[in-house]
PDB file of N, CA and C in Angstrom:
ATOM      1  N   UNK A   1      52.820  -8.755  17.030  1.00  0.00           N
ATOM      2  CA  UNK A   1      51.344  -8.586  17.784  1.00  0.00           C
ATOM      3  C   UNK A   1      51.556  -9.264  19.213  1.00  0.00           C
ATOM      4  N   UNK A   2      51.344  -8.247  20.082  1.00  0.00           N
ATOM      5  CA  UNK A   2      51.299  -8.907  21.458  1.00  0.00           C
ATOM      6  C   UNK A   2      50.207  -9.162  21.777  1.00  0.00           C
ATOM      7  N   UNK A   3      50.101 -10.100  22.612  1.00  0.00           N
ATOM      8  CA  UNK A   3      48.806 -10.692  22.886  1.00  0.00           C
ATOM      9  C   UNK A   3      48.441 -11.157  24.392  1.00  0.00           C
ATOM     10  N   UNK A   4      47.874 -10.315  25.047  1.00  0.00           N
ATOM     11  CA  UNK A   4      47.223 -10.419  26.835  1.00  0.00           C
ATOM     12  C   UNK A   4      46.330 -11.435  26.769  1.00  0.00           C
ATOM     13  N   UNK A   5      46.067 -11.923  27.909  1.00  0.00           N
ATOM     14  CA  UNK A   5      45.343 -12.847  28.578  1.00  0.00           C
ATOM     15  C   UNK A   5      45.038 -12.971  29.588  1.00  0.00           C
ATOM     16  N   UNK A   6      43.912 -12.184  30.385  1.00  0.00           N
ATOM     17  CA  UNK A   6      42.596 -12.004  31.317  1.00  0.00           C
ATOM     18  C   UNK A   6      43.047 -13.804  31.825  1.00  0.00           C
ATOM     19  N   UNK A   7      43.477 -13.972  33.164  1.00  0.00           N
ATOM     20  CA  UNK A   7      43.086 -15.580  33.366  1.00  0.00           C
ATOM     21  C   UNK A   7      41.619 -15.648  33.877  1.00  0.00           C
ATOM     22  N   UNK A   8      41.228 -16.591  33.753  1.00  0.00           N
ATOM     23  CA  UNK A   8      39.875 -17.439  33.699  1.00  0.00           C
ATOM     24  C   UNK A   8      39.248 -17.077  35.187  1.00  0.00           C
ATOM     25  N   UNK A   9      40.355 -16.684  36.410  1.00  0.00           N
ATOM     26  CA  UNK A   9      39.757 -16.375  37.495  1.00  0.00           C
ATOM     27  C   UNK A   9      38.901 -15.030  37.661  1.00  0.00           C
ATOM     28  N   UNK A  10      39.518 -14.231  36.985  1.00  0.00           N
ATOM     29  CA  UNK A  10      38.876 -13.274  36.771  1.00  0.00           C
ATOM     30  C   UNK A  10      37.564 -13.021  36.570  1.00  0.00           C
ATOM     31  N   UNK A  11      36.688 -13.561  36.036  1.00  0.00           N
ATOM     32  CA  UNK A  11      35.409 -13.940  35.014  1.00  0.00           C
ATOM     33  C   UNK A  11      34.514 -14.811  36.435  1.00  0.00           C
ATOM     34  N   UNK A  12      35.432 -15.169  37.468  1.00  0.00           N
ATOM     35  CA  UNK A  12      34.662 -16.051  38.726  1.00  0.00           C
ATOM     36  C   UNK A  12      33.876 -15.349  39.430  1.00  0.00           C
ATOM     37  N   UNK A  13      32.755 -15.614  39.922  1.00  0.00           N
ATOM     38  CA  UNK A  13      31.996 -15.003  41.357  1.00  0.00           C
ATOM     39  C   UNK A  13      31.430 -13.496  40.977  1.00  0.00           C
ATOM     40  N   UNK A  14      31.485 -13.582  39.582  1.00  0.00           N
ATOM     41  CA  UNK A  14      30.871 -12.195  39.259  1.00  0.00           C
ATOM     42  C   UNK A  14      29.631 -12.212  39.281  1.00  0.00           C
ATOM     43  N   UNK A  15      28.624 -11.554  40.763  1.00  0.00           N
ATOM     44  CA  UNK A  15      27.241 -11.608  40.992  1.00  0.00           C
ATOM     45  C   UNK A  15      26.470 -11.304  39.720  1.00  0.00           C
ATOM     46  N   UNK A  16      26.747 -10.399  38.821  1.00  0.00           N
ATOM     47  CA  UNK A  16      25.687 -10.268  37.563  1.00  0.00           C
ATOM     48  C   UNK A  16      26.212 -10.938  36.153  1.00  0.00           C
ATOM     49  N   UNK A  17      26.933 -11.744  36.213  1.00  0.00           N
ATOM     50  CA  UNK A  17      27.638 -12.248  35.264  1.00  0.00           C
ATOM     51  C   UNK A  17      27.828 -13.733  35.121  1.00  0.00           C
ATOM     52  N   UNK A  18      26.925 -14.266  35.636  1.00  0.00           N
ATOM     53  CA  UNK A  18      27.005 -16.204  35.822  1.00  0.00           C
ATOM     54  C   UNK A  18      26.036 -16.934  34.472  1.00  0.00           C
ATOM     55  N   UNK A  19      27.097 -16.488  33.505  1.00  0.00           N
ATOM     56  CA  UNK A  19      27.081 -17.084  32.326  1.00  0.00           C
ATOM     57  C   UNK A  19      28.124 -18.313  32.208  1.00  0.00           C
ATOM     58  N   UNK A  20      27.815 -18.941  31.396  1.00  0.00           N
ATOM     59  CA  UNK A  20      28.583 -20.124  31.151  1.00  0.00           C
ATOM     60  C   UNK A  20      29.639 -19.478  29.380  1.00  0.00           C
ATOM     61  N   UNK A  21      31.003 -19.796  30.272  1.00  0.00           N
ATOM     62  CA  UNK A  21      31.993 -18.955  28.456  1.00  0.00           C
ATOM     63  C   UNK A  21      32.250 -20.325  27.726  1.00  0.00           C
ATOM     64  N   UNK A  22      32.470 -19.584  26.813  1.00  0.00           N
ATOM     65  CA  UNK A  22      32.607 -20.277  25.107  1.00  0.00           C
ATOM     66  C   UNK A  22      33.915 -19.797  24.722  1.00  0.00           C
ATOM     67  N   UNK A  23      35.023 -20.316  24.326  1.00  0.00           N
ATOM     68  CA  UNK A  23      35.953 -19.905  23.476  1.00  0.00           C
ATOM     69  C   UNK A  23      36.288 -20.380  21.977  1.00  0.00           C
ATOM     70  N   UNK A  24      36.938 -19.773  21.228  1.00  0.00           N
ATOM     71  CA  UNK A  24      37.029 -19.842  20.252  1.00  0.00           C
ATOM     72  C   UNK A  24      38.768 -19.591  19.716  1.00  0.00           C
ATOM     73  N   UNK A  25      39.490 -19.743  18.738  1.00  0.00           N
ATOM     74  CA  UNK A  25      40.549 -19.120  18.696  1.00  0.00           C
ATOM     75  C   UNK A  25      40.757 -18.829  17.333  1.00  0.00           C
ATOM     76  N   UNK A  26      41.031 -17.573  17.426  1.00  0.00           N
ATOM     77  CA  UNK A  26      41.514 -16.466  15.795  1.00  0.00           C
ATOM     78  C   UNK A  26      42.626 -16.299  15.341  1.00  0.00           C
ATOM     79  N   UNK A  27      43.438 -16.812  14.296  1.00  0.00           N
ATOM     80  CA  UNK A  27      44.366 -16.502  13.704  1.00  0.00           C
ATOM     81  C   UNK A  27      44.858 -15.182  13.546  1.00  0.00           C
ATOM     82  N   UNK A  28      45.624 -14.772  13.948  1.00  0.00           N
ATOM     83  CA  UNK A  28      46.064 -13.338  13.744  1.00  0.00           C
ATOM     84  C   UNK A  28      47.486 -13.079  12.544  1.00  0.00           C
ATOM     85  N   UNK A  29      47.467 -11.712  12.281  1.00  0.00           N
ATOM     86  CA  UNK A  29      48.090 -11.419  10.348  1.00  0.00           C
ATOM     87  C   UNK A  29      49.852 -12.263  11.406  1.00  0.00           C
ATOM     88  N   UNK A  30      50.179 -12.175  12.727  1.00  0.00           N
ATOM     89  CA  UNK A  30      51.211 -12.311  12.902  1.00  0.00           C
ATOM     90  C   UNK A  30      51.727 -14.041  13.015  1.00  0.00           C
ATOM     91  N   UNK A  31      50.701 -14.483  12.868  1.00  0.00           N
ATOM     92  CA  UNK A  31      50.880 -15.869  12.897  1.00  0.00           C
ATOM     93  C   UNK A  31      50.700 -17.026  13.989  1.00  0.00           C
ATOM     94  N   UNK A  32      50.055 -15.935  14.908  1.00  0.00           N
ATOM     95  CA  UNK A  32      49.897 -16.338  16.677  1.00  0.00           C
ATOM     96  C   UNK A  32      48.136 -16.830  16.444  1.00  0.00           C
ATOM     97  N   UNK A  33      47.809 -17.298  17.722  1.00  0.00           N
ATOM     98  CA  UNK A  33      46.150 -17.329  18.158  1.00  0.00           C
ATOM     99  C   UNK A  33      45.732 -16.772  18.972  1.00  0.00           C
ATOM    100  N   UNK A  34      44.515 -15.512  18.369  1.00  0.00           N
ATOM    101  CA  UNK A  34      43.755 -15.139  19.663  1.00  0.00           C
ATOM    102  C   UNK A  34      43.144 -15.846  20.446  1.00  0.00           C
ATOM    103  N   UNK A  35      42.709 -15.858  21.772  1.00  0.00           N
ATOM    104  CA  UNK A  35      41.483 -16.922  22.314  1.00  0.00           C
ATOM    105  C   UNK A  35      40.415 -16.150  22.734  1.00  0.00           C
ATOM    106  N   UNK A  36      39.110 -16.046  21.924  1.00  0.00           N
ATOM    107  CA  UNK A  36      38.274 -14.979  22.447  1.00  0.00           C
ATOM    108  C   UNK A  36      37.297 -16.098  22.835  1.00  0.00           C
ATOM    109  N   UNK A  37      36.881 -14.854  24.097  1.00  0.00           N
ATOM    110  CA  UNK A  37      35.982 -15.990  24.867  1.00  0.00           C
ATOM    111  C   UNK A  37      34.581 -14.988  24.792  1.00  0.00           C
ATOM    112  N   UNK A  38      33.312 -15.536  24.560  1.00  0.00           N
ATOM    113  CA  UNK A  38      32.021 -15.063  24.238  1.00  0.00           C
ATOM    114  C   UNK A  38      30.813 -16.189  24.549  1.00  0.00           C
ATOM    115  N   UNK A  39      29.581 -15.431  25.014  1.00  0.00           N
ATOM    116  CA  UNK A  39      28.498 -15.450  25.243  1.00  0.00           C
ATOM    117  C   UNK A  39      27.829 -16.684  24.281  1.00  0.00           C
ATOM    118  N   UNK A  40      26.526 -17.444  24.849  1.00  0.00           N
ATOM    119  CA  UNK A  40      25.532 -17.573  23.990  1.00  0.00           C
ATOM    120  C   UNK A  40      24.685 -17.581  25.125  1.00  0.00           C
ATOM    121  N   UNK A  41      23.790 -16.847  24.914  1.00  0.00           N
ATOM    122  CA  UNK A  41      22.470 -16.681  25.862  1.00  0.00           C
ATOM    123  C   UNK A  41      21.202 -16.116  24.993  1.00  0.00           C
ATOM    124  N   UNK A  42      20.184 -16.809  25.617  1.00  0.00           N
ATOM    125  CA  UNK A  42      18.948 -16.253  24.516  1.00  0.00           C
ATOM    126  C   UNK A  42      18.180 -17.279  23.530  1.00  0.00           C
ATOM    127  N   UNK A  43      16.898 -17.184  23.194  1.00  0.00           N
ATOM    128  CA  UNK A  43      16.616 -17.801  22.235  1.00  0.00           C
ATOM    129  C   UNK A  43      17.438 -18.689  21.332  1.00  0.00           C
ATOM    130  N   UNK A  44      17.747 -19.982  20.929  1.00  0.00           N
ATOM    131  CA  UNK A  44      18.649 -20.100  19.672  1.00  0.00           C
ATOM    132  C   UNK A  44      18.776 -19.529  18.540  1.00  0.00           C
ATOM    133  N   UNK A  45      17.661 -19.559  18.137  1.00  0.00           N
ATOM    134  CA  UNK A  45      17.122 -18.889  16.811  1.00  0.00           C
ATOM    135  C   UNK A  45      16.792 -17.384  16.469  1.00  0.00           C
ATOM    136  N   UNK A  46      17.201 -16.766  18.000  1.00  0.00           N
ATOM    137  CA  UNK A  46      16.787 -15.160  17.850  1.00  0.00           C
ATOM    138  C   UNK A  46      17.903 -14.739  17.424  1.00  0.00           C
ATOM    139  N   UNK A  47      17.532 -13.121  16.958  1.00  0.00           N
ATOM    140  CA  UNK A  47      18.325 -12.514  16.487  1.00  0.00           C
ATOM    141  C   UNK A  47      19.677 -11.964  17.027  1.00  0.00           C
ATOM    142  N   UNK A  48      20.789 -11.974  16.525  1.00  0.00           N
ATOM    143  CA  UNK A  48      22.397 -11.581  16.849  1.00  0.00           C
ATOM    144  C   UNK A  48      22.030 -10.072  17.337  1.00  0.00           C
ATOM    145  N   UNK A  49      23.161  -9.697  18.413  1.00  0.00           N
ATOM    146  CA  UNK A  49      23.500  -8.603  18.529  1.00  0.00           C
ATOM    147  C   UNK A  49      24.547  -8.144  19.330  1.00  0.00           C
TER     148      UNK A  49
END
């Protein structure tokens, strides 16, 4: 599996996306890891979607 990664600088200075990033690594079937960026916004106990 070929994994591509966008530099963090691609996400800087986005006017309508000023949200703190979080990352997690997920193992792939090929034995490598995919780094996934996600956000945590809204009420801590609110519904996920």
